Amino acid sequence: MYNGQNFPLFNYENYNFKNESTKNLFSFSKQEKLKKENICSDFKSDIEKFYKSKIKNEEIFYYIYGLLNSKEFIDKFHNNLNKELPRIPYIKKFDDFFKF
């Protein structure tokens, strides 16, 4: 058993539907996967207000990934990371946001 957590950019949920327009053997029920983003719209709007710039969800995801894997972050918050989910700080300079 692995001890760790997974924070993907997307989640895929199964969705069952019936196609009423054509009735045959293959259209009775079909399973499709719905793609949902895991970047919360509230977090995205907060970070855009903080930096006063539009930021894509992928850029936010890469920032969080880089931050969580940086040696400085791990060393500073090692005790907290063992007990709770990480808190994501905002970097003061917008240019440093993209360095992560």
PDB file of N, CA and C in Angstrom:
ATOM      1  N   MET A   1       0.837  -1.174   0.000  1.00  0.00           N
ATOM      2  CA  MET A   1       0.000   0.000   0.000  1.00  0.00           C
ATOM      3  C   MET A   1       0.883   1.239   0.000  1.00  0.00           C
ATOM      4  N   TYR A   2       0.537   2.190  -0.836  1.00  0.00           N
ATOM      5  CA  TYR A   2       1.303   3.420  -0.932  1.00  0.00           C
ATOM      6  C   TYR A   2       0.702   4.491  -0.032  1.00  0.00           C
ATOM      7  N   ASN A   3       1.567   5.277   0.566  1.00  0.00           N
ATOM      8  CA  ASN A   3       1.125   6.421   1.361  1.00  0.00           C
ATOM      9  C   ASN A   3       1.363   7.672   0.527  1.00  0.00           C
ATOM     10  N   GLY A   4       0.328   8.264   0.068  1.00  0.00           N
ATOM     11  CA  GLY A   4       0.463   9.468  -0.731  1.00  0.00           C
ATOM     12  C   GLY A   4      -0.905   9.933  -1.184  1.00  0.00           C
ATOM     13  N   GLN A   5      -0.903  11.105  -1.796  1.00  0.00           N
ATOM     14  CA  GLN A   5      -2.145  11.654  -2.302  1.00  0.00           C
ATOM     15  C   GLN A   5      -1.953  12.052  -3.751  1.00  0.00           C
ATOM     16  N   ASN A   6      -3.044  12.057  -4.468  1.00  0.00           N
ATOM     17  CA  ASN A   6      -3.026  12.373  -5.881  1.00  0.00           C
ATOM     18  C   ASN A   6      -3.864  13.624  -6.108  1.00  0.00           C
ATOM     19  N   PHE A   7      -3.303  14.605  -6.805  1.00  0.00           N
ATOM     20  CA  PHE A   7      -4.007  15.839  -7.115  1.00  0.00           C
ATOM     21  C   PHE A   7      -3.976  16.057  -8.626  1.00  0.00           C
ATOM     22  N   PRO A   8      -4.846  15.385  -9.383  1.00  0.00           N
ATOM     23  CA  PRO A   8      -4.814  15.511 -10.846  1.00  0.00           C
ATOM     24  C   PRO A   8      -5.457  16.813 -11.323  1.00  0.00           C
ATOM     25  N   LEU A   9      -5.126  17.201 -12.548  1.00  0.00           N
ATOM     26  CA  LEU A   9      -5.727  18.391 -13.150  1.00  0.00           C
ATOM     27  C   LEU A   9      -7.177  18.118 -13.529  1.00  0.00           C
ATOM     28  N   PHE A  10      -7.472  16.887 -13.977  1.00  0.00           N
ATOM     29  CA  PHE A  10      -8.824  16.524 -14.400  1.00  0.00           C
ATOM     30  C   PHE A  10      -9.302  15.282 -13.665  1.00  0.00           C
ATOM     31  N   ASN A  11     -10.609  15.187 -13.477  1.00  0.00           N
ATOM     32  CA  ASN A  11     -11.280  13.971 -13.025  1.00  0.00           C
ATOM     33  C   ASN A  11     -12.219  13.516 -14.135  1.00  0.00           C
ATOM     34  N   TYR A  12     -12.404  12.233 -14.250  1.00  0.00           N
ATOM     35  CA  TYR A  12     -13.323  11.677 -15.239  1.00  0.00           C
ATOM     36  C   TYR A  12     -14.392  10.878 -14.519  1.00  0.00           C
ATOM     37  N   GLU A  13     -15.649  11.256 -14.737  1.00  0.00           N
ATOM     38  CA  GLU A  13     -16.762  10.560 -14.115  1.00  0.00           C
ATOM     39  C   GLU A  13     -17.568   9.842 -15.181  1.00  0.00           C
ATOM     40  N   ASN A  14     -18.047   8.671 -14.837  1.00  0.00           N
ATOM     41  CA  ASN A  14     -18.898   7.925 -15.777  1.00  0.00           C
ATOM     42  C   ASN A  14     -20.289   8.533 -15.805  1.00  0.00           C
ATOM     43  N   TYR A  15     -20.852   8.592 -16.965  1.00  0.00           N
ATOM     44  CA  TYR A  15     -22.184   9.153 -17.143  1.00  0.00           C
ATOM     45  C   TYR A  15     -22.974   8.203 -18.020  1.00  0.00           C
ATOM     46  N   ASN A  16     -24.094   7.714 -17.538  1.00  0.00           N
ATOM     47  CA  ASN A  16     -24.954   6.811 -18.310  1.00  0.00           C
ATOM     48  C   ASN A  16     -26.109   7.604 -18.904  1.00  0.00           C
ATOM     49  N   PHE A  17     -26.421   7.347 -20.152  1.00  0.00           N
ATOM     50  CA  PHE A  17     -27.564   8.003 -20.777  1.00  0.00           C
ATOM     51  C   PHE A  17     -28.209   7.051 -21.763  1.00  0.00           C
ATOM     52  N   LYS A  18     -29.457   7.343 -22.068  1.00  0.00           N
ATOM     53  CA  LYS A  18     -30.192   6.559 -23.058  1.00  0.00           C
ATOM     54  C   LYS A  18     -30.451   7.435 -24.266  1.00  0.00           C
ATOM     55  N   ASN A  19     -30.204   6.880 -25.406  1.00  0.00           N
ATOM     56  CA  ASN A  19     -30.442   7.601 -26.647  1.00  0.00           C
ATOM     57  C   ASN A  19     -31.864   7.301 -27.097  1.00  0.00           C
ATOM     58  N   GLU A  20     -32.753   8.270 -26.971  1.00  0.00           N
ATOM     59  CA  GLU A  20     -34.168   8.073 -27.289  1.00  0.00           C
ATOM     60  C   GLU A  20     -34.469   8.234 -28.775  1.00  0.00           C
ATOM     61  N   SER A  21     -33.584   8.914 -29.511  1.00  0.00           N
ATOM     62  CA  SER A  21     -33.898   9.202 -30.912  1.00  0.00           C
ATOM     63  C   SER A  21     -33.809   7.964 -31.804  1.00  0.00           C
ATOM     64  N   THR A  22     -32.846   7.106 -31.551  1.00  0.00           N
ATOM     65  CA  THR A  22     -32.733   5.879 -32.348  1.00  0.00           C
ATOM     66  C   THR A  22     -32.773   4.694 -31.408  1.00  0.00           C
ATOM     67  N   LYS A  23     -33.683   3.791 -31.667  1.00  0.00           N
ATOM     68  CA  LYS A  23     -33.812   2.637 -30.788  1.00  0.00           C
ATOM     69  C   LYS A  23     -33.336   1.398 -31.527  1.00  0.00           C
ATOM     70  N   ASN A  24     -32.198   0.926 -31.116  1.00  0.00           N
ATOM     71  CA  ASN A  24     -31.686  -0.340 -31.606  1.00  0.00           C
ATOM     72  C   ASN A  24     -30.841  -0.967 -30.500  1.00  0.00           C
ATOM     73  N   LEU A  25     -30.235  -2.049 -30.792  1.00  0.00           N
ATOM     74  CA  LEU A  25     -29.490  -2.805 -29.787  1.00  0.00           C
ATOM     75  C   LEU A  25     -28.344  -1.995 -29.186  1.00  0.00           C
ATOM     76  N   PHE A  26     -27.658  -1.180 -29.998  1.00  0.00           N
ATOM     77  CA  PHE A  26     -26.468  -0.479 -29.531  1.00  0.00           C
ATOM     78  C   PHE A  26     -26.750   0.893 -28.916  1.00  0.00           C
ATOM     79  N   SER A  27     -27.950   1.395 -29.050  1.00  0.00           N
ATOM     80  CA  SER A  27     -28.234   2.722 -28.520  1.00  0.00           C
ATOM     81  C   SER A  27     -29.028   2.683 -27.217  1.00  0.00           C
ATOM     82  N   PHE A  28     -29.291   1.494 -26.703  1.00  0.00           N
ATOM     83  CA  PHE A  28     -30.103   1.413 -25.482  1.00  0.00           C
ATOM     84  C   PHE A  28     -29.448   2.139 -24.311  1.00  0.00           C
ATOM     85  N   SER A  29     -28.251   1.801 -24.008  1.00  0.00           N
ATOM     86  CA  SER A  29     -27.537   2.538 -22.961  1.00  0.00           C
ATOM     87  C   SER A  29     -26.075   2.632 -23.360  1.00  0.00           C
ATOM     88  N   LYS A  30     -25.513   3.765 -23.106  1.00  0.00           N
ATOM     89  CA  LYS A  30     -24.131   4.012 -23.481  1.00  0.00           C
ATOM     90  C   LYS A  30     -23.452   4.669 -22.294  1.00  0.00           C
ATOM     91  N   GLN A  31     -22.200   4.347 -22.097  1.00  0.00           N
ATOM     92  CA  GLN A  31     -21.469   4.945 -20.991  1.00  0.00           C
ATOM     93  C   GLN A  31     -20.429   5.905 -21.551  1.00  0.00           C
ATOM     94  N   GLU A  32     -20.447   7.129 -21.042  1.00  0.00           N
ATOM     95  CA  GLU A  32     -19.524   8.152 -21.495  1.00  0.00           C
ATOM     96  C   GLU A  32     -18.822   8.716 -20.266  1.00  0.00           C
ATOM     97  N   LYS A  33     -17.614   9.222 -20.460  1.00  0.00           N
ATOM     98  CA  LYS A  33     -16.883   9.815 -19.344  1.00  0.00           C
ATOM     99  C   LYS A  33     -16.923  11.327 -19.459  1.00  0.00           C
ATOM    100  N   LEU A  34     -17.308  11.974 -18.368  1.00  0.00           N
ATOM    101  CA  LEU A  34     -17.328  13.428 -18.308  1.00  0.00           C
ATOM    102  C   LEU A  34     -16.009  13.912 -17.721  1.00  0.00           C
ATOM    103  N   LYS A  35     -15.418  14.907 -18.363  1.00  0.00           N
ATOM    104  CA  LYS A  35     -14.139  15.461 -17.936  1.00  0.00           C
ATOM    105  C   LYS A  35     -14.397  16.720 -17.107  1.00  0.00           C
ATOM    106  N   LYS A  36     -13.907  16.727 -15.868  1.00  0.00           N
ATOM    107  CA  LYS A  36     -14.077  17.871 -14.979  1.00  0.00           C
ATOM    108  C   LYS A  36     -12.716  18.372 -14.524  1.00  0.00           C
ATOM    109  N   GLU A  37     -12.556  19.698 -14.500  1.00  0.00           N
ATOM    110  CA  GLU A  37     -11.307  20.286 -14.027  1.00  0.00           C
ATOM    111  C   GLU A  37     -11.320  20.365 -12.503  1.00  0.00           C
ATOM    112  N   ASN A  38     -10.148  20.206 -11.904  1.00  0.00           N
ATOM    113  CA  ASN A  38     -10.038  20.256 -10.449  1.00  0.00           C
ATOM    114  C   ASN A  38      -9.577  21.603  -9.920  1.00  0.00           C
ATOM    115  N   ILE A  39      -9.341  22.568 -10.788  1.00  0.00           N
ATOM    116  CA  ILE A  39      -8.992  23.911 -10.329  1.00  0.00           C
ATOM    117  C   ILE A  39     -10.300  24.629 -10.015  1.00  0.00           C
ATOM    118  N   CYS A  40     -10.494  24.931  -8.757  1.00  0.00           N
ATOM    119  CA  CYS A  40     -11.719  25.582  -8.290  1.00  0.00           C
ATOM    120  C   CYS A  40     -11.800  26.995  -8.865  1.00  0.00           C
ATOM    121  N   SER A  41     -12.991  27.387  -9.304  1.00  0.00           N
ATOM    122  CA  SER A  41     -13.166  28.713  -9.900  1.00  0.00           C
ATOM    123  C   SER A  41     -12.919  29.824  -8.874  1.00  0.00           C
ATOM    124  N   ASP A  42     -13.226  29.580  -7.598  1.00  0.00           N
ATOM    125  CA  ASP A  42     -12.957  30.577  -6.548  1.00  0.00           C
ATOM    126  C   ASP A  42     -11.455  30.794  -6.376  1.00  0.00           C
ATOM    127  N   PHE A  43     -10.697  29.709  -6.364  1.00  0.00           N
ATOM    128  CA  PHE A  43      -9.246  29.819  -6.238  1.00  0.00           C
ATOM    129  C   PHE A  43      -8.660  30.532  -7.450  1.00  0.00           C
ATOM    130  N   LYS A  44      -9.171  30.195  -8.633  1.00  0.00           N
ATOM    131  CA  LYS A  44      -8.676  30.831  -9.850  1.00  0.00           C
ATOM    132  C   LYS A  44      -8.949  32.332  -9.828  1.00  0.00           C
ATOM    133  N   SER A  45     -10.145  32.729  -9.433  1.00  0.00           N
ATOM    134  CA  SER A  45     -10.461  34.161  -9.393  1.00  0.00           C
ATOM    135  C   SER A  45      -9.637  34.875  -8.321  1.00  0.00           C
ATOM    136  N   ASP A  46      -9.376  34.226  -7.178  1.00  0.00           N
ATOM    137  CA  ASP A  46      -8.541  34.832  -6.139  1.00  0.00           C
ATOM    138  C   ASP A  46      -7.118  35.053  -6.618  1.00  0.00           C
ATOM    139  N   ILE A  47      -6.568  34.062  -7.288  1.00  0.00           N
ATOM    140  CA  ILE A  47      -5.182  34.181  -7.748  1.00  0.00           C
ATOM    141  C   ILE A  47      -5.074  35.195  -8.889  1.00  0.00           C
ATOM    142  N   GLU A  48      -6.110  35.307  -9.723  1.00  0.00           N
ATOM    143  CA  GLU A  48      -6.108  36.317 -10.781  1.00  0.00           C
ATOM    144  C   GLU A  48      -6.230  37.724 -10.199  1.00  0.00           C
ATOM    145  N   LYS A  49      -7.011  37.874  -9.144  1.00  0.00           N
ATOM    146  CA  LYS A  49      -7.112  39.182  -8.470  1.00  0.00           C
ATOM    147  C   LYS A  49      -5.791  39.558  -7.804  1.00  0.00           C
ATOM    148  N   PHE A  50      -5.134  38.580  -7.195  1.00  0.00           N
ATOM    149  CA  PHE A  50      -3.876  38.838  -6.502  1.00  0.00           C
ATOM    150  C   PHE A  50      -2.796  39.310  -7.477  1.00  0.00           C
ATOM    151  N   TYR A  51      -2.689  38.646  -8.624  1.00  0.00           N
ATOM    152  CA  TYR A  51      -1.661  38.983  -9.615  1.00  0.00           C
ATOM    153  C   TYR A  51      -2.146  39.982 -10.659  1.00  0.00           C
ATOM    154  N   LYS A  52      -3.442  40.307 -10.641  1.00  0.00           N
ATOM    155  CA  LYS A  52      -4.040  41.262 -11.589  1.00  0.00           C
ATOM    156  C   LYS A  52      -3.736  40.874 -13.032  1.00  0.00           C
ATOM    157  N   SER A  53      -3.958  39.607 -13.324  1.00  0.00           N
ATOM    158  CA  SER A  53      -3.692  39.071 -14.659  1.00  0.00           C
ATOM    159  C   SER A  53      -4.509  37.804 -14.864  1.00  0.00           C
ATOM    160  N   LYS A  54      -4.846  37.512 -16.112  1.00  0.00           N
ATOM    161  CA  LYS A  54      -5.529  36.260 -16.448  1.00  0.00           C
ATOM    162  C   LYS A  54      -4.515  35.124 -16.417  1.00  0.00           C
ATOM    163  N   ILE A  55      -4.904  34.024 -15.789  1.00  0.00           N
ATOM    164  CA  ILE A  55      -4.032  32.856 -15.669  1.00  0.00           C
ATOM    165  C   ILE A  55      -4.833  31.622 -16.057  1.00  0.00           C
ATOM    166  N   LYS A  56      -4.237  30.773 -16.862  1.00  0.00           N
ATOM    167  CA  LYS A  56      -4.902  29.542 -17.302  1.00  0.00           C
ATOM    168  C   LYS A  56      -4.871  28.503 -16.183  1.00  0.00           C
ATOM    169  N   ASN A  57      -5.829  27.593 -16.234  1.00  0.00           N
ATOM    170  CA  ASN A  57      -5.890  26.515 -15.240  1.00  0.00           C
ATOM    171  C   ASN A  57      -4.639  25.648 -15.253  1.00  0.00           C
ATOM    172  N   GLU A  58      -4.102  25.399 -16.430  1.00  0.00           N
ATOM    173  CA  GLU A  58      -2.888  24.587 -16.534  1.00  0.00           C
ATOM    174  C   GLU A  58      -1.711  25.284 -15.860  1.00  0.00           C
ATOM    175  N   GLU A  59      -1.630  26.611 -15.993  1.00  0.00           N
ATOM    176  CA  GLU A  59      -0.539  27.353 -15.357  1.00  0.00           C
ATOM    177  C   GLU A  59      -0.659  27.292 -13.837  1.00  0.00           C
ATOM    178  N   ILE A  60      -1.876  27.361 -13.326  1.00  0.00           N
ATOM    179  CA  ILE A  60      -2.102  27.230 -11.886  1.00  0.00           C
ATOM    180  C   ILE A  60      -1.706  25.832 -11.425  1.00  0.00           C
ATOM    181  N   PHE A  61      -2.071  24.825 -12.196  1.00  0.00           N
ATOM    182  CA  PHE A  61      -1.721  23.442 -11.862  1.00  0.00           C
ATOM    183  C   PHE A  61      -0.210  23.256 -11.808  1.00  0.00           C
ATOM    184  N   TYR A  62       0.512  23.794 -12.803  1.00  0.00           N
ATOM    185  CA  TYR A  62       1.973  23.655 -12.833  1.00  0.00           C
ATOM    186  C   TYR A  62       2.629  24.435 -11.701  1.00  0.00           C
ATOM    187  N   TYR A  63       2.057  25.573 -11.337  1.00  0.00           N
ATOM    188  CA  TYR A  63       2.572  26.351 -10.197  1.00  0.00           C
ATOM    189  C   TYR A  63       2.452  25.533  -8.912  1.00  0.00           C
ATOM    190  N   ILE A  64       1.284  24.955  -8.685  1.00  0.00           N
ATOM    191  CA  ILE A  64       1.065  24.159  -7.472  1.00  0.00           C
ATOM    192  C   ILE A  64       1.977  22.941  -7.460  1.00  0.00           C
ATOM    193  N   TYR A  65       2.125  22.288  -8.614  1.00  0.00           N
ATOM    194  CA  TYR A  65       3.013  21.122  -8.711  1.00  0.00           C
ATOM    195  C   TYR A  65       4.447  21.509  -8.375  1.00  0.00           C
ATOM    196  N   GLY A  66       4.912  22.612  -8.982  1.00  0.00           N
ATOM    197  CA  GLY A  66       6.273  23.064  -8.724  1.00  0.00           C
ATOM    198  C   GLY A  66       6.477  23.464  -7.278  1.00  0.00           C
ATOM    199  N   LEU A  67       5.502  24.118  -6.699  1.00  0.00           N
ATOM    200  CA  LEU A  67       5.589  24.550  -5.307  1.00  0.00           C
ATOM    201  C   LEU A  67       5.640  23.357  -4.362  1.00  0.00           C
ATOM    202  N   LEU A  68       4.746  22.398  -4.557  1.00  0.00           N
ATOM    203  CA  LEU A  68       4.690  21.226  -3.672  1.00  0.00           C
ATOM    204  C   LEU A  68       5.934  20.355  -3.781  1.00  0.00           C
ATOM    205  N   ASN A  69       6.633  20.432  -4.900  1.00  0.00           N
ATOM    206  CA  ASN A  69       7.831  19.621  -5.091  1.00  0.00           C
ATOM    207  C   ASN A  69       9.123  20.401  -4.883  1.00  0.00           C
ATOM    208  N   SER A  70       9.028  21.668  -4.498  1.00  0.00           N
ATOM    209  CA  SER A  70      10.246  22.448  -4.270  1.00  0.00           C
ATOM    210  C   SER A  70      10.851  22.068  -2.915  1.00  0.00           C
ATOM    211  N   LYS A  71      12.168  21.998  -2.887  1.00  0.00           N
ATOM    212  CA  LYS A  71      12.875  21.603  -1.670  1.00  0.00           C
ATOM    213  C   LYS A  71      12.605  22.583  -0.540  1.00  0.00           C
ATOM    214  N   GLU A  72      12.554  23.884  -0.835  1.00  0.00           N
ATOM    215  CA  GLU A  72      12.325  24.890   0.195  1.00  0.00           C
ATOM    216  C   GLU A  72      10.959  24.697   0.860  1.00  0.00           C
ATOM    217  N   PHE A  73       9.932  24.445   0.060  1.00  0.00           N
ATOM    218  CA  PHE A  73       8.575  24.249   0.596  1.00  0.00           C
ATOM    219  C   PHE A  73       8.516  22.991   1.450  1.00  0.00           C
ATOM    220  N   ILE A  74       9.101  21.916   0.971  1.00  0.00           N
ATOM    221  CA  ILE A  74       9.079  20.648   1.708  1.00  0.00           C
ATOM    222  C   ILE A  74       9.825  20.779   3.030  1.00  0.00           C
ATOM    223  N   ASP A  75      10.997  21.430   3.004  1.00  0.00           N
ATOM    224  CA  ASP A  75      11.773  21.592   4.238  1.00  0.00           C
ATOM    225  C   ASP A  75      11.055  22.473   5.250  1.00  0.00           C
ATOM    226  N   LYS A  76      10.456  23.558   4.776  1.00  0.00           N
ATOM    227  CA  LYS A  76       9.817  24.509   5.683  1.00  0.00           C
ATOM    228  C   LYS A  76       8.546  23.947   6.315  1.00  0.00           C
ATOM    229  N   PHE A  77       7.756  23.206   5.547  1.00  0.00           N
ATOM    230  CA  PHE A  77       6.454  22.736   6.022  1.00  0.00           C
ATOM    231  C   PHE A  77       6.391  21.223   6.208  1.00  0.00           C
ATOM    232  N   HIS A  78       7.531  20.597   6.430  1.00  0.00           N
ATOM    233  CA  HIS A  78       7.591  19.137   6.551  1.00  0.00           C
ATOM    234  C   HIS A  78       6.643  18.606   7.625  1.00  0.00           C
ATOM    235  N   ASN A  79       6.638  19.216   8.796  1.00  0.00           N
ATOM    236  CA  ASN A  79       5.781  18.734   9.889  1.00  0.00           C
ATOM    237  C   ASN A  79       4.300  18.882   9.549  1.00  0.00           C
ATOM    238  N   ASN A  80       3.926  19.986   8.941  1.00  0.00           N
ATOM    239  CA  ASN A  80       2.519  20.192   8.582  1.00  0.00           C
ATOM    240  C   ASN A  80       2.082  19.265   7.462  1.00  0.00           C
ATOM    241  N   LEU A  81       2.965  18.986   6.511  1.00  0.00           N
ATOM    242  CA  LEU A  81       2.601  18.123   5.378  1.00  0.00           C
ATOM    243  C   LEU A  81       2.305  16.699   5.822  1.00  0.00           C
ATOM    244  N   ASN A  82       2.862  16.285   6.941  1.00  0.00           N
ATOM    245  CA  ASN A  82       2.575  14.945   7.471  1.00  0.00           C
ATOM    246  C   ASN A  82       1.205  14.877   8.129  1.00  0.00           C
ATOM    247  N   LYS A  83       0.645  16.025   8.518  1.00  0.00           N
ATOM    248  CA  LYS A  83      -0.590  16.043   9.295  1.00  0.00           C
ATOM    249  C   LYS A  83      -1.817  16.501   8.520  1.00  0.00           C
ATOM    250  N   GLU A  84      -1.642  17.369   7.528  1.00  0.00           N
ATOM    251  CA  GLU A  84      -2.790  17.979   6.858  1.00  0.00           C
ATOM    252  C   GLU A  84      -2.488  18.257   5.393  1.00  0.00           C
ATOM    253  N   LEU A  85      -3.523  18.616   4.664  1.00  0.00           N
ATOM    254  CA  LEU A  85      -3.338  18.995   3.267  1.00  0.00           C
ATOM    255  C   LEU A  85      -2.530  20.280   3.181  1.00  0.00           C
ATOM    256  N   PRO A  86      -1.732  20.424   2.141  1.00  0.00           N
ATOM    257  CA  PRO A  86      -0.900  21.626   2.032  1.00  0.00           C
ATOM    258  C   PRO A  86      -1.725  22.879   1.758  1.00  0.00           C
ATOM    259  N   ARG A  87      -1.252  23.977   2.271  1.00  0.00           N
ATOM    260  CA  ARG A  87      -1.832  25.284   1.969  1.00  0.00           C
ATOM    261  C   ARG A  87      -0.958  25.923   0.905  1.00  0.00           C
ATOM    262  N   ILE A  88      -1.581  26.501  -0.077  1.00  0.00           N
ATOM    263  CA  ILE A  88      -0.855  27.042  -1.219  1.00  0.00           C
ATOM    264  C   ILE A  88      -0.657  28.549  -1.023  1.00  0.00           C
ATOM    265  N   PRO A  89       0.588  28.968  -0.799  1.00  0.00           N
ATOM    266  CA  PRO A  89       0.834  30.406  -0.657  1.00  0.00           C
ATOM    267  C   PRO A  89       0.964  31.070  -2.027  1.00  0.00           C
ATOM    268  N   TYR A  90       0.724  32.366  -2.057  1.00  0.00           N
ATOM    269  CA  TYR A  90       0.937  33.152  -3.272  1.00  0.00           C
ATOM    270  C   TYR A  90       2.348  33.725  -3.225  1.00  0.00           C
ATOM    271  N   ILE A  91       3.059  33.607  -4.309  1.00  0.00           N
ATOM    272  CA  ILE A  91       4.391  34.183  -4.431  1.00  0.00           C
ATOM    273  C   ILE A  91       4.226  35.681  -4.673  1.00  0.00           C
ATOM    274  N   LYS A  92       5.076  36.493  -4.069  1.00  0.00           N
ATOM    275  CA  LYS A  92       4.905  37.947  -4.140  1.00  0.00           C
ATOM    276  C   LYS A  92       5.008  38.493  -5.562  1.00  0.00           C
ATOM    277  N   LYS A  93       5.982  38.022  -6.328  1.00  0.00           N
ATOM    278  CA  LYS A  93       6.197  38.554  -7.676  1.00  0.00           C
ATOM    279  C   LYS A  93       5.533  37.665  -8.713  1.00  0.00           C
ATOM    280  N   PHE A  94       4.861  38.305  -9.658  1.00  0.00           N
ATOM    281  CA  PHE A  94       4.162  37.563 -10.702  1.00  0.00           C
ATOM    282  C   PHE A  94       5.139  36.781 -11.578  1.00  0.00           C
ATOM    283  N   ASP A  95       6.321  37.332 -11.829  1.00  0.00           N
ATOM    284  CA  ASP A  95       7.319  36.631 -12.650  1.00  0.00           C
ATOM    285  C   ASP A  95       7.791  35.352 -11.973  1.00  0.00           C
ATOM    286  N   ASP A  96       7.863  35.348 -10.646  1.00  0.00           N
ATOM    287  CA  ASP A  96       8.270  34.156  -9.920  1.00  0.00           C
ATOM    288  C   ASP A  96       7.207  33.060  -9.971  1.00  0.00           C
ATOM    289  N   PHE A  97       5.962  33.450 -10.211  1.00  0.00           N
ATOM    290  CA  PHE A  97       4.875  32.478 -10.359  1.00  0.00           C
ATOM    291  C   PHE A  97       5.203  31.489 -11.471  1.00  0.00           C
ATOM    292  N   PHE A  98       5.740  31.989 -12.574  1.00  0.00           N
ATOM    293  CA  PHE A  98       6.022  31.129 -13.727  1.00  0.00           C
ATOM    294  C   PHE A  98       7.328  30.376 -13.592  1.00  0.00           C
ATOM    295  N   LYS A  99       8.154  30.727 -12.629  1.00  0.00           N
ATOM    296  CA  LYS A  99       9.403  29.986 -12.414  1.00  0.00           C
ATOM    297  C   LYS A  99       9.119  28.617 -11.809  1.00  0.00           C
ATOM    298  N   PHE A 100       8.041  28.506 -11.073  1.00  0.00           N
ATOM    299  CA  PHE A 100       7.678  27.214 -10.509  1.00  0.00           C
ATOM    300  C   PHE A 100       7.151  26.314 -11.602  1.00  0.00           C
TER     301      PHE A 100
END
